[in-house]
Amino acid sequence: MDNKKKMLDSDKITGFFDKDTEIDGNLTFKGSFRIDGHFKGKIDSESILIIGEKGKVEADVNIGYIIINGEIKGNIQATEKVEINATGRVIGSVITPKLIVEEGAYLETSCQTSDQIPLPKTKKEKEVEQGYQS
């Protein structure tokens, strides 16, 4: 994603869950998405996810860039950057090439910063893996 496109995406919120919203499921999107409500499930996007101060997310997240001001429980895998602000709470694991943590943020995580981020498994690879586990 080039810098001009990324700046457009970060300035434009293409999706939003308000503070009184509760959703269970799978979320995919393009552009920037903000969660101020409660979300449980799986999130997949190459774009930007913003978790607001009132946002609570319980999910495995494969994302381009994530900004955390609220709470997230789960595994975060970012291809660009993870930013955890002072009000942010992260419980789980973080894999990203760039990690920014503000003073005051709460972390209960295992973190790995590397330029060699493994690509998310395809649906077929996951099915094959589950077939061997059965």
C-alpha atoms as a PDB file:
ATOM      1  CA  MET A   1       0.000   0.000   0.000  1.00  0.00           C
ATOM      2  CA  ASP A   2       1.608   3.310  -0.986  1.00  0.00           C
ATOM      3  CA  ASN A   3       1.846   6.228   1.467  1.00  0.00           C
ATOM      4  CA  LYS A   4      -0.705   8.401  -0.363  1.00  0.00           C
ATOM      5  CA  LYS A   5      -3.302   5.585  -0.308  1.00  0.00           C
ATOM      6  CA  LYS A   6      -2.557   4.844   3.351  1.00  0.00           C
ATOM      7  CA  MET A   7      -3.055   8.501   4.340  1.00  0.00           C
ATOM      8  CA  LEU A   8      -6.441   8.506   2.571  1.00  0.00           C
ATOM      9  CA  ASP A   9      -7.425   5.304   4.382  1.00  0.00           C
ATOM     10  CA  SER A  10      -6.400   6.596   7.801  1.00  0.00           C
ATOM     11  CA  ASP A  11      -8.351   9.839   7.359  1.00  0.00           C
ATOM     12  CA  LYS A  12     -11.493   8.051   6.182  1.00  0.00           C
ATOM     13  CA  ILE A  13     -13.345   5.719   8.544  1.00  0.00           C
ATOM     14  CA  THR A  14     -15.192   3.278   6.304  1.00  0.00           C
ATOM     15  CA  GLY A  15     -16.805   1.306   9.140  1.00  0.00           C
ATOM     16  CA  PHE A  16     -17.709   1.875  12.785  1.00  0.00           C
ATOM     17  CA  PHE A  17     -19.181  -0.041  15.745  1.00  0.00           C
ATOM     18  CA  ASP A  18     -20.562   2.396  18.328  1.00  0.00           C
ATOM     19  CA  LYS A  19     -20.244   1.939  22.110  1.00  0.00           C
ATOM     20  CA  ASP A  20     -23.648   0.230  22.483  1.00  0.00           C
ATOM     21  CA  THR A  21     -22.970  -2.326  19.717  1.00  0.00           C
ATOM     22  CA  GLU A  22     -22.175  -5.999  20.418  1.00  0.00           C
ATOM     23  CA  ILE A  23     -21.204  -8.252  17.510  1.00  0.00           C
ATOM     24  CA  ASP A  24     -20.002 -11.858  17.276  1.00  0.00           C
ATOM     25  CA  GLY A  25     -18.557 -13.070  13.985  1.00  0.00           C
ATOM     26  CA  ASN A  26     -15.965 -12.489  11.302  1.00  0.00           C
ATOM     27  CA  LEU A  27     -15.018  -8.980  10.210  1.00  0.00           C
ATOM     28  CA  THR A  28     -13.281  -8.098   6.955  1.00  0.00           C
ATOM     29  CA  PHE A  29     -13.001  -4.578   5.571  1.00  0.00           C
ATOM     30  CA  LYS A  30     -11.085  -2.147   3.357  1.00  0.00           C
ATOM     31  CA  GLY A  31     -10.199   1.358   4.455  1.00  0.00           C
ATOM     32  CA  SER A  32     -10.189   2.183   8.163  1.00  0.00           C
ATOM     33  CA  PHE A  33     -12.497   0.634  10.743  1.00  0.00           C
ATOM     34  CA  ARG A  34     -13.162   1.808  14.303  1.00  0.00           C
ATOM     35  CA  ILE A  35     -14.599  -0.280  17.149  1.00  0.00           C
ATOM     36  CA  ASP A  36     -16.003   1.511  20.205  1.00  0.00           C
ATOM     37  CA  GLY A  37     -18.390  -1.324  21.097  1.00  0.00           C
ATOM     38  CA  HIS A  38     -17.828  -5.012  21.816  1.00  0.00           C
ATOM     39  CA  PHE A  39     -16.624  -7.421  19.149  1.00  0.00           C
ATOM     40  CA  LYS A  40     -15.918 -11.140  19.482  1.00  0.00           C
ATOM     41  CA  GLY A  41     -14.666 -13.341  16.661  1.00  0.00           C
ATOM     42  CA  LYS A  42     -12.037 -12.926  13.951  1.00  0.00           C
ATOM     43  CA  ILE A  43     -10.773  -9.834  12.130  1.00  0.00           C
ATOM     44  CA  ASP A  44      -8.977  -9.981   8.765  1.00  0.00           C
ATOM     45  CA  SER A  45      -7.887  -6.885   6.833  1.00  0.00           C
ATOM     46  CA  GLU A  46      -4.817  -5.338   5.247  1.00  0.00           C
ATOM     47  CA  SER A  47      -6.041  -1.914   6.362  1.00  0.00           C
ATOM     48  CA  ILE A  48      -6.203   0.074   9.604  1.00  0.00           C
ATOM     49  CA  LEU A  49      -8.161  -0.950  12.714  1.00  0.00           C
ATOM     50  CA  ILE A  50      -8.748   1.494  15.542  1.00  0.00           C
ATOM     51  CA  ILE A  51     -10.027   0.277  18.896  1.00  0.00           C
ATOM     52  CA  GLY A  52     -11.513   3.242  20.751  1.00  0.00           C
ATOM     53  CA  GLU A  53     -11.190   3.805  24.510  1.00  0.00           C
ATOM     54  CA  LYS A  54     -14.569   2.127  25.159  1.00  0.00           C
ATOM     55  CA  GLY A  55     -13.886  -0.651  22.641  1.00  0.00           C
ATOM     56  CA  LYS A  56     -13.525  -4.261  23.790  1.00  0.00           C
ATOM     57  CA  VAL A  57     -12.338  -6.856  21.302  1.00  0.00           C
ATOM     58  CA  GLU A  58     -11.922 -10.583  21.850  1.00  0.00           C
ATOM     59  CA  ALA A  59     -10.532 -11.864  18.560  1.00  0.00           C
ATOM     60  CA  ASP A  60      -7.690 -13.217  16.521  1.00  0.00           C
ATOM     61  CA  VAL A  61      -6.620 -10.275  14.398  1.00  0.00           C
ATOM     62  CA  ASN A  62      -4.720 -10.329  11.097  1.00  0.00           C
ATOM     63  CA  ILE A  63      -4.322  -6.680  10.148  1.00  0.00           C
ATOM     64  CA  GLY A  64      -2.120  -4.187   8.348  1.00  0.00           C
ATOM     65  CA  TYR A  65      -1.978  -1.581  11.137  1.00  0.00           C
ATOM     66  CA  ILE A  66      -3.785  -1.441  14.486  1.00  0.00           C
ATOM     67  CA  ILE A  67      -4.178   1.419  16.965  1.00  0.00           C
ATOM     68  CA  ILE A  68      -5.325   0.290  20.424  1.00  0.00           C
ATOM     69  CA  ASN A  69      -6.926   2.737  22.858  1.00  0.00           C
ATOM     70  CA  GLY A  70      -9.326   0.214  24.430  1.00  0.00           C
ATOM     71  CA  GLU A  71      -9.007  -3.482  25.293  1.00  0.00           C
ATOM     72  CA  ILE A  72      -8.129  -6.438  23.107  1.00  0.00           C
ATOM     73  CA  LYS A  73      -7.823 -10.097  24.076  1.00  0.00           C
ATOM     74  CA  GLY A  74      -6.417 -12.444  21.473  1.00  0.00           C
ATOM     75  CA  ASN A  75      -3.643 -12.860  18.972  1.00  0.00           C
ATOM     76  CA  ILE A  76      -2.620  -9.841  16.911  1.00  0.00           C
ATOM     77  CA  GLN A  77      -0.621 -10.295  13.737  1.00  0.00           C
ATOM     78  CA  ALA A  78       0.116  -7.014  11.938  1.00  0.00           C
ATOM     79  CA  THR A  79       2.008  -6.662   8.679  1.00  0.00           C
ATOM     80  CA  GLU A  80       2.883  -2.987   9.292  1.00  0.00           C
ATOM     81  CA  LYS A  81       2.558  -1.754  12.883  1.00  0.00           C
ATOM     82  CA  VAL A  82       0.887  -2.180  16.274  1.00  0.00           C
ATOM     83  CA  GLU A  83       0.367   0.999  18.297  1.00  0.00           C
ATOM     84  CA  ILE A  84      -0.787   0.677  21.918  1.00  0.00           C
ATOM     85  CA  ASN A  85      -1.693   4.011  23.480  1.00  0.00           C
ATOM     86  CA  ALA A  86      -1.714   4.870  27.197  1.00  0.00           C
ATOM     87  CA  THR A  87      -5.341   3.760  27.681  1.00  0.00           C
ATOM     88  CA  GLY A  88      -4.801   0.531  25.729  1.00  0.00           C
ATOM     89  CA  ARG A  89      -4.934  -2.974  27.238  1.00  0.00           C
ATOM     90  CA  VAL A  90      -3.591  -5.993  25.362  1.00  0.00           C
ATOM     91  CA  ILE A  91      -3.898  -9.571  26.593  1.00  0.00           C
ATOM     92  CA  GLY A  92      -2.566 -12.203  24.194  1.00  0.00           C
ATOM     93  CA  SER A  93       0.229 -12.280  21.637  1.00  0.00           C
ATOM     94  CA  VAL A  94       1.571  -9.639  19.269  1.00  0.00           C
ATOM     95  CA  ILE A  95       3.579 -10.272  16.098  1.00  0.00           C
ATOM     96  CA  THR A  96       4.537  -7.186  14.097  1.00  0.00           C
ATOM     97  CA  PRO A  97       7.516  -5.535  12.415  1.00  0.00           C
ATOM     98  CA  LYS A  98       6.961  -2.291  14.408  1.00  0.00           C
ATOM     99  CA  LEU A  99       5.599  -1.969  17.946  1.00  0.00           C
ATOM    100  CA  ILE A 100       4.828   1.327  19.672  1.00  0.00           C
ATOM    101  CA  VAL A 101       3.775   1.298  23.340  1.00  0.00           C
ATOM    102  CA  GLU A 102       2.931   4.497  25.215  1.00  0.00           C
ATOM    103  CA  GLU A 103       3.680   4.859  28.896  1.00  0.00           C
ATOM    104  CA  GLY A 104       0.680   3.680  30.937  1.00  0.00           C
ATOM    105  CA  ALA A 105      -0.457   0.975  28.507  1.00  0.00           C
ATOM    106  CA  TYR A 106      -1.258  -2.457  30.008  1.00  0.00           C
ATOM    107  CA  LEU A 107       0.366  -5.475  28.368  1.00  0.00           C
ATOM    108  CA  GLU A 108      -0.015  -9.114  29.293  1.00  0.00           C
ATOM    109  CA  THR A 109       1.514 -10.457  26.102  1.00  0.00           C
ATOM    110  CA  SER A 110       4.213 -12.297  24.313  1.00  0.00           C
ATOM    111  CA  CYS A 111       5.639  -9.982  21.661  1.00  0.00           C
ATOM    112  CA  GLN A 112       7.656 -10.673  18.559  1.00  0.00           C
ATOM    113  CA  THR A 113       8.942  -7.873  16.359  1.00  0.00           C
ATOM    114  CA  SER A 114      10.282  -9.031  13.041  1.00  0.00           C
ATOM    115  CA  ASP A 115      10.289  -8.038   9.400  1.00  0.00           C
ATOM    116  CA  GLN A 116       9.631 -11.705   8.640  1.00  0.00           C
ATOM    117  CA  ILE A 117       5.917 -11.846   9.484  1.00  0.00           C
ATOM    118  CA  PRO A 118       4.457 -15.193   8.475  1.00  0.00           C
ATOM    119  CA  LEU A 119       1.550 -14.867   6.074  1.00  0.00           C
ATOM    120  CA  PRO A 120      -1.834 -15.911   7.451  1.00  0.00           C
ATOM    121  CA  LYS A 121      -2.754 -19.458   6.476  1.00  0.00           C
ATOM    122  CA  THR A 122      -5.135 -19.869   3.585  1.00  0.00           C
ATOM    123  CA  LYS A 123      -8.495 -21.492   4.162  1.00  0.00           C
ATOM    124  CA  LYS A 124      -7.236 -24.639   2.419  1.00  0.00           C
ATOM    125  CA  GLU A 125      -4.092 -24.803   4.613  1.00  0.00           C
ATOM    126  CA  LYS A 126      -6.266 -24.461   7.733  1.00  0.00           C
ATOM    127  CA  GLU A 127      -8.592 -27.241   6.530  1.00  0.00           C
ATOM    128  CA  VAL A 128      -5.632 -29.543   5.818  1.00  0.00           C
ATOM    129  CA  GLU A 129      -4.158 -28.775   9.241  1.00  0.00           C
ATOM    130  CA  GLN A 130      -7.481 -29.492  10.958  1.00  0.00           C
ATOM    131  CA  GLY A 131      -7.843 -32.726   8.989  1.00  0.00           C
ATOM    132  CA  TYR A 132      -4.563 -33.973  10.403  1.00  0.00           C
ATOM    133  CA  GLN A 133      -5.626 -33.053  13.938  1.00  0.00           C
ATOM    134  CA  SER A 134      -8.904 -34.978  13.765  1.00  0.00           C
END
